[in-house]
C-alpha atoms as a PDB file:
ATOM      1  CA  MET A   1      13.359   6.616  26.792  1.00  0.00           C
ATOM      2  CA  PRO A   2      13.610   6.762  23.187  1.00  0.00           C
ATOM      3  CA  LYS A   3      10.237   7.749  21.210  1.00  0.00           C
ATOM      4  CA  LYS A   4       8.651   4.787  20.448  1.00  0.00           C
ATOM      5  CA  ILE A   5       8.750   4.195  15.893  1.00  0.00           C
ATOM      6  CA  PRO A   6       5.585   2.507  14.443  1.00  0.00           C
ATOM      7  CA  MET A   7       6.685  -0.434  12.299  1.00  0.00           C
ATOM      8  CA  ARG A   8       4.726  -1.505   8.909  1.00  0.00           C
ATOM      9  CA  GLN A   9       5.588  -4.822   6.672  1.00  0.00           C
ATOM     10  CA  CYS A  10       5.790  -4.363   2.952  1.00  0.00           C
ATOM     11  CA  LEU A  11       3.356  -6.352   1.242  1.00  0.00           C
ATOM     12  CA  GLY A  12       5.551  -7.472  -1.704  1.00  0.00           C
ATOM     13  CA  CYS A  13       9.115  -7.113   0.044  1.00  0.00           C
ATOM     14  CA  ARG A  14       7.559  -8.659   3.624  1.00  0.00           C
ATOM     15  CA  GLU A  15      10.122  -6.795   5.109  1.00  0.00           C
ATOM     16  CA  MET A  16       9.229  -4.310   8.884  1.00  0.00           C
ATOM     17  CA  LYS A  17      10.116  -1.020   8.348  1.00  0.00           C
ATOM     18  CA  PRO A  18       9.470   2.729   9.731  1.00  0.00           C
ATOM     19  CA  LYS A  19       5.273   3.618   9.164  1.00  0.00           C
ATOM     20  CA  LYS A  20       6.376   6.948   7.526  1.00  0.00           C
ATOM     21  CA  GLU A  21       8.396   5.381   4.837  1.00  0.00           C
ATOM     22  CA  LEU A  22       5.701   3.058   3.490  1.00  0.00           C
ATOM     23  CA  ILE A  23       3.189   3.858   1.076  1.00  0.00           C
ATOM     24  CA  ARG A  24      -0.224   3.523   2.616  1.00  0.00           C
ATOM     25  CA  ILE A  25      -2.824   1.474  -0.285  1.00  0.00           C
ATOM     26  CA  VAL A  26      -6.541   2.225   1.308  1.00  0.00           C
ATOM     27  CA  ARG A  27      -9.931   0.557   0.810  1.00  0.00           C
ATOM     28  CA  SER A  28     -12.814   3.636   1.785  1.00  0.00           C
ATOM     29  CA  ALA A  29     -15.640   2.505   2.541  1.00  0.00           C
ATOM     30  CA  GLU A  30     -17.212   2.840  -1.062  1.00  0.00           C
ATOM     31  CA  GLY A  31     -15.057  -0.144  -1.721  1.00  0.00           C
ATOM     32  CA  THR A  32     -12.314   2.336  -3.438  1.00  0.00           C
ATOM     33  CA  LEU A  33      -8.821   1.467  -3.719  1.00  0.00           C
ATOM     34  CA  SER A  34      -6.227   4.662  -3.062  1.00  0.00           C
ATOM     35  CA  LEU A  35      -2.720   5.010  -2.047  1.00  0.00           C
ATOM     36  CA  ASP A  36      -2.063   7.390   0.016  1.00  0.00           C
ATOM     37  CA  PHE A  37       0.939   9.664   0.978  1.00  0.00           C
ATOM     38  CA  LYS A  38       0.038  11.514   4.356  1.00  0.00           C
ATOM     39  CA  GLY A  39      -1.345   8.526   6.476  1.00  0.00           C
ATOM     40  CA  LYS A  40      -4.226   9.909   7.555  1.00  0.00           C
ATOM     41  CA  LEU A  41      -7.507   9.062   4.502  1.00  0.00           C
ATOM     42  CA  PRO A  42      -9.925   6.334   6.528  1.00  0.00           C
ATOM     43  CA  GLY A  43     -10.461   3.291   5.268  1.00  0.00           C
ATOM     44  CA  ARG A  44      -8.981  -0.321   5.694  1.00  0.00           C
ATOM     45  CA  GLY A  45      -5.082   0.737   5.102  1.00  0.00           C
ATOM     46  CA  ALA A  46      -2.719  -2.025   3.838  1.00  0.00           C
ATOM     47  CA  TYR A  47       1.493  -0.746   2.930  1.00  0.00           C
ATOM     48  CA  LEU A  48       3.762  -0.736   0.252  1.00  0.00           C
ATOM     49  CA  CYS A  49       7.822   0.568  -0.086  1.00  0.00           C
ATOM     50  CA  CYS A  50       7.910   3.174  -2.110  1.00  0.00           C
ATOM     51  CA  ASP A  51       8.970   0.834  -4.809  1.00  0.00           C
ATOM     52  CA  VAL A  52       6.467  -0.634  -8.253  1.00  0.00           C
ATOM     53  CA  GLN A  53       8.938  -3.683  -7.745  1.00  0.00           C
ATOM     54  CA  CYS A  54       7.456  -4.238  -4.048  1.00  0.00           C
ATOM     55  CA  LEU A  55       3.806  -3.483  -5.730  1.00  0.00           C
ATOM     56  CA  GLU A  56       4.395  -5.980  -8.535  1.00  0.00           C
ATOM     57  CA  ARG A  57       5.052  -8.581  -6.247  1.00  0.00           C
ATOM     58  CA  ALA A  58       2.064  -8.012  -4.279  1.00  0.00           C
ATOM     59  CA  LEU A  59       0.136  -7.571  -7.374  1.00  0.00           C
ATOM     60  CA  LYS A  60       0.540 -11.263  -7.762  1.00  0.00           C
ATOM     61  CA  SER A  61       0.993 -12.935  -5.060  1.00  0.00           C
ATOM     62  CA  LYS A  62      -2.652 -11.204  -4.900  1.00  0.00           C
ATOM     63  CA  ALA A  63      -1.576  -9.663  -0.960  1.00  0.00           C
ATOM     64  CA  VAL A  64      -3.585  -6.525  -1.736  1.00  0.00           C
ATOM     65  CA  GLU A  65      -6.342  -8.585  -2.467  1.00  0.00           C
ATOM     66  CA  ARG A  66      -6.511 -10.529   0.524  1.00  0.00           C
ATOM     67  CA  ALA A  67      -5.457  -7.654   2.779  1.00  0.00           C
ATOM     68  CA  LEU A  68      -8.023  -5.419   1.807  1.00  0.00           C
ATOM     69  CA  GLU A  69     -10.010  -7.520   1.043  1.00  0.00           C
ATOM     70  CA  VAL A  70     -11.469  -6.611  -2.118  1.00  0.00           C
ATOM     71  CA  PRO A  71     -10.852  -7.551  -6.234  1.00  0.00           C
ATOM     72  CA  VAL A  72      -8.424  -5.762  -7.643  1.00  0.00           C
ATOM     73  CA  SER A  73      -8.614  -5.036 -11.503  1.00  0.00           C
ATOM     74  CA  ASP A  74      -6.743  -3.539 -14.066  1.00  0.00           C
ATOM     75  CA  GLU A  75      -8.087  -0.630 -13.744  1.00  0.00           C
ATOM     76  CA  ILE A  76      -6.862   0.172 -10.085  1.00  0.00           C
ATOM     77  CA  ILE A  77      -3.285  -1.669 -10.944  1.00  0.00           C
ATOM     78  CA  ARG A  78      -2.989   0.968 -14.261  1.00  0.00           C
ATOM     79  CA  ASP A  79      -3.709   3.560 -11.179  1.00  0.00           C
ATOM     80  CA  LEU A  80      -1.870   2.436  -8.300  1.00  0.00           C
ATOM     81  CA  ARG A  81       1.378   2.131 -10.767  1.00  0.00           C
ATOM     82  CA  SER A  82       0.756   5.608 -12.517  1.00  0.00           C
ATOM     83  CA  GLN A  83       0.661   7.279  -9.255  1.00  0.00           C
ATOM     84  CA  MET A  84       3.549   5.125  -7.335  1.00  0.00           C
ATOM     85  CA  GLU A  85       5.378   6.485 -10.232  1.00  0.00           C
ATOM     86  CA  ASN A  86       4.662   9.801 -10.497  1.00  0.00           C
ATOM     87  CA  VAL A  87       6.348   9.666  -6.845  1.00  0.00           C
ATOM     88  CA  GLU A  88       9.747   8.417  -7.928  1.00  0.00           C
END
């Protein structure tokens, strides 16, 4: 019997993809947001494709704020963008 592959939905494009193909955005207990490339950081998480366009779409529709239940400041948006661009 094949092993089950965990699937998650991207906040930007709303497509279901294998968890390992997505980047996790984490809200820590202190309320700070960061990108979690390993998927192991503690806190509430939401998933995005490894694409800046998906990040832009998710921020424009406020999907990140709804999923993580925290307002997203311009400084955090710049940090997330730069971290994601460094990955590509």
